[in-house]
Amino acid sequence: MPIKNYVNYFHKQPENLNCAQAILKGFQEQFNISDMEIDEYRAWGGGRAEGGVCGALFAAERLLNQVCEKSVSQEFRESAGNILCSDIKKTSVACVECVRIADELVQKSLQ
């Protein structure tokens, strides 16, 4: 069973990280991500990622683009019902669930 990286960071004090930041923070050591880069991802949470994509998915795709050319968008869509934050928010899928899905997809892709 993979370690759930996101649970320690998504909307937790003291940082109160958004969905995109929580994914980066969970993989910070593995990908050698600076705190400054994580802070920059504050701009991409809450439906503000490029194209309105879920911030957790956006961050997961950015991480995976560094190590492989595999996209997890389709798998994310199958689990969350959509890839667009605004459309996901219209369903019963909570943000924390999207972060969990993205976290697991990154871990699965890295295996």
Protein backbone atom coordinates (compact mmCIF):
# COMPACT_ATOMS: atom_id res chain seq x y z
CA MET A 1 0.00 0.00 0.00
CA PRO A 2 1.55 3.34 -1.05
CA ILE A 3 2.16 6.04 1.53
CA LYS A 4 -0.47 8.72 1.28
CA ASN A 5 1.78 11.75 0.82
CA TYR A 6 -0.99 14.31 0.43
CA VAL A 7 -2.74 13.75 3.77
CA ASN A 8 0.02 15.50 5.68
CA TYR A 9 -0.16 18.65 3.58
CA PHE A 10 -3.55 19.36 1.96
CA HIS A 11 -5.18 22.19 3.92
CA LYS A 12 -3.09 21.34 7.00
CA GLN A 13 -1.46 23.93 9.22
CA PRO A 14 0.95 25.58 9.29
CA GLU A 15 1.31 25.82 5.48
CA ASN A 16 -2.36 25.31 4.52
CA LEU A 17 -1.33 24.05 1.08
CA ASN A 18 -3.81 23.88 -1.79
CA CYS A 19 -4.32 20.82 -4.00
CA ALA A 20 -1.45 21.54 -6.41
CA GLN A 21 0.95 22.41 -3.61
CA ALA A 22 0.05 19.31 -1.59
CA ILE A 23 1.03 17.07 -4.49
CA LEU A 24 4.38 18.83 -4.89
CA LYS A 25 5.06 18.82 -1.15
CA GLY A 26 4.31 15.10 -0.95
CA PHE A 27 6.98 14.40 -3.55
CA GLN A 28 9.35 17.23 -2.57
CA GLU A 29 12.31 15.07 -1.59
CA GLN A 30 11.86 12.57 -4.40
CA PHE A 31 11.80 15.29 -7.08
CA ASN A 32 14.10 17.78 -5.31
CA ILE A 33 11.43 20.51 -5.30
CA SER A 34 12.24 23.78 -3.55
CA ASP A 35 9.90 25.43 -1.06
CA MET A 36 9.85 28.41 -3.42
CA GLU A 37 8.50 26.26 -6.26
CA ILE A 38 5.82 24.84 -3.97
CA ASP A 39 4.88 28.39 -2.99
CA GLU A 40 4.57 29.33 -6.69
CA TYR A 41 1.96 26.60 -7.12
CA ARG A 42 -0.39 28.52 -4.80
CA ALA A 43 -1.52 30.22 -8.02
CA TRP A 44 -2.76 26.92 -9.49
CA GLY A 45 -5.09 25.63 -6.81
CA GLY A 46 -8.83 26.14 -6.56
CA GLY A 47 -9.59 25.83 -10.27
CA ARG A 48 -6.91 28.27 -11.43
CA ALA A 49 -4.62 25.76 -13.17
CA GLU A 50 -4.16 26.07 -16.92
CA GLY A 51 -7.37 25.33 -18.77
CA GLY A 52 -9.32 25.00 -15.52
CA VAL A 53 -7.80 21.58 -14.84
CA CYS A 54 -7.87 20.29 -11.26
CA GLY A 55 -4.77 21.64 -9.51
CA ALA A 56 -3.85 18.24 -8.10
CA LEU A 57 -3.91 16.74 -11.58
CA PHE A 58 -1.99 19.72 -12.96
CA ALA A 59 0.79 19.22 -10.40
CA ALA A 60 0.83 15.44 -10.92
CA GLU A 61 1.22 15.88 -14.67
CA ARG A 62 4.03 18.41 -14.19
CA LEU A 63 5.89 15.99 -11.90
CA LEU A 64 5.48 13.04 -14.22
CA ASN A 65 6.59 15.08 -17.24
CA GLN A 66 9.99 15.31 -15.55
CA VAL A 67 10.53 11.55 -15.45
CA CYS A 68 8.36 10.00 -18.14
CA GLU A 69 5.98 10.96 -20.88
CA LYS A 70 3.01 9.23 -19.32
CA SER A 71 -0.15 11.25 -18.78
CA VAL A 72 -2.50 10.29 -15.98
CA SER A 73 -5.35 12.53 -17.16
CA GLN A 74 -7.51 9.67 -18.42
CA GLU A 75 -7.08 7.65 -15.25
CA PHE A 76 -7.83 10.75 -13.20
CA ARG A 77 -10.99 11.38 -15.25
CA GLU A 78 -12.13 7.80 -14.69
CA SER A 79 -11.71 8.15 -10.93
CA ALA A 80 -12.88 11.75 -10.41
CA GLY A 81 -15.44 11.93 -13.21
CA ASN A 82 -13.75 14.88 -14.91
CA ILE A 83 -10.45 16.74 -15.12
CA LEU A 84 -11.86 20.26 -14.86
CA CYS A 85 -12.08 21.66 -11.35
CA SER A 86 -15.35 23.51 -11.96
CA ASP A 87 -17.04 20.35 -13.26
CA ILE A 88 -15.67 18.20 -10.45
CA LYS A 89 -16.99 20.68 -7.88
CA LYS A 90 -20.50 20.11 -9.27
CA THR A 91 -20.30 16.46 -8.19
CA SER A 92 -19.91 14.71 -4.86
CA VAL A 93 -16.15 14.26 -5.39
CA ALA A 94 -14.39 16.39 -2.76
CA CYS A 95 -11.12 18.20 -3.36
CA VAL A 96 -9.33 15.97 -0.87
CA GLU A 97 -10.42 12.98 -2.94
CA CYS A 98 -8.94 14.56 -6.09
CA VAL A 99 -5.68 15.10 -4.25
CA ARG A 100 -5.73 11.46 -3.11
CA ILE A 101 -6.33 10.26 -6.67
CA ALA A 102 -3.51 12.41 -8.07
CA ASP A 103 -1.14 11.29 -5.33
CA GLU A 104 -1.86 7.62 -6.01
CA LEU A 105 -1.51 8.05 -9.77
CA VAL A 106 1.90 9.65 -9.38
CA GLN A 107 3.04 6.87 -7.08
CA LYS A 108 1.69 4.20 -9.42
CA SER A 109 3.41 5.81 -12.41
CA LEU A 110 6.73 5.91 -10.60
CA GLN A 111 6.73 2.20 -9.80
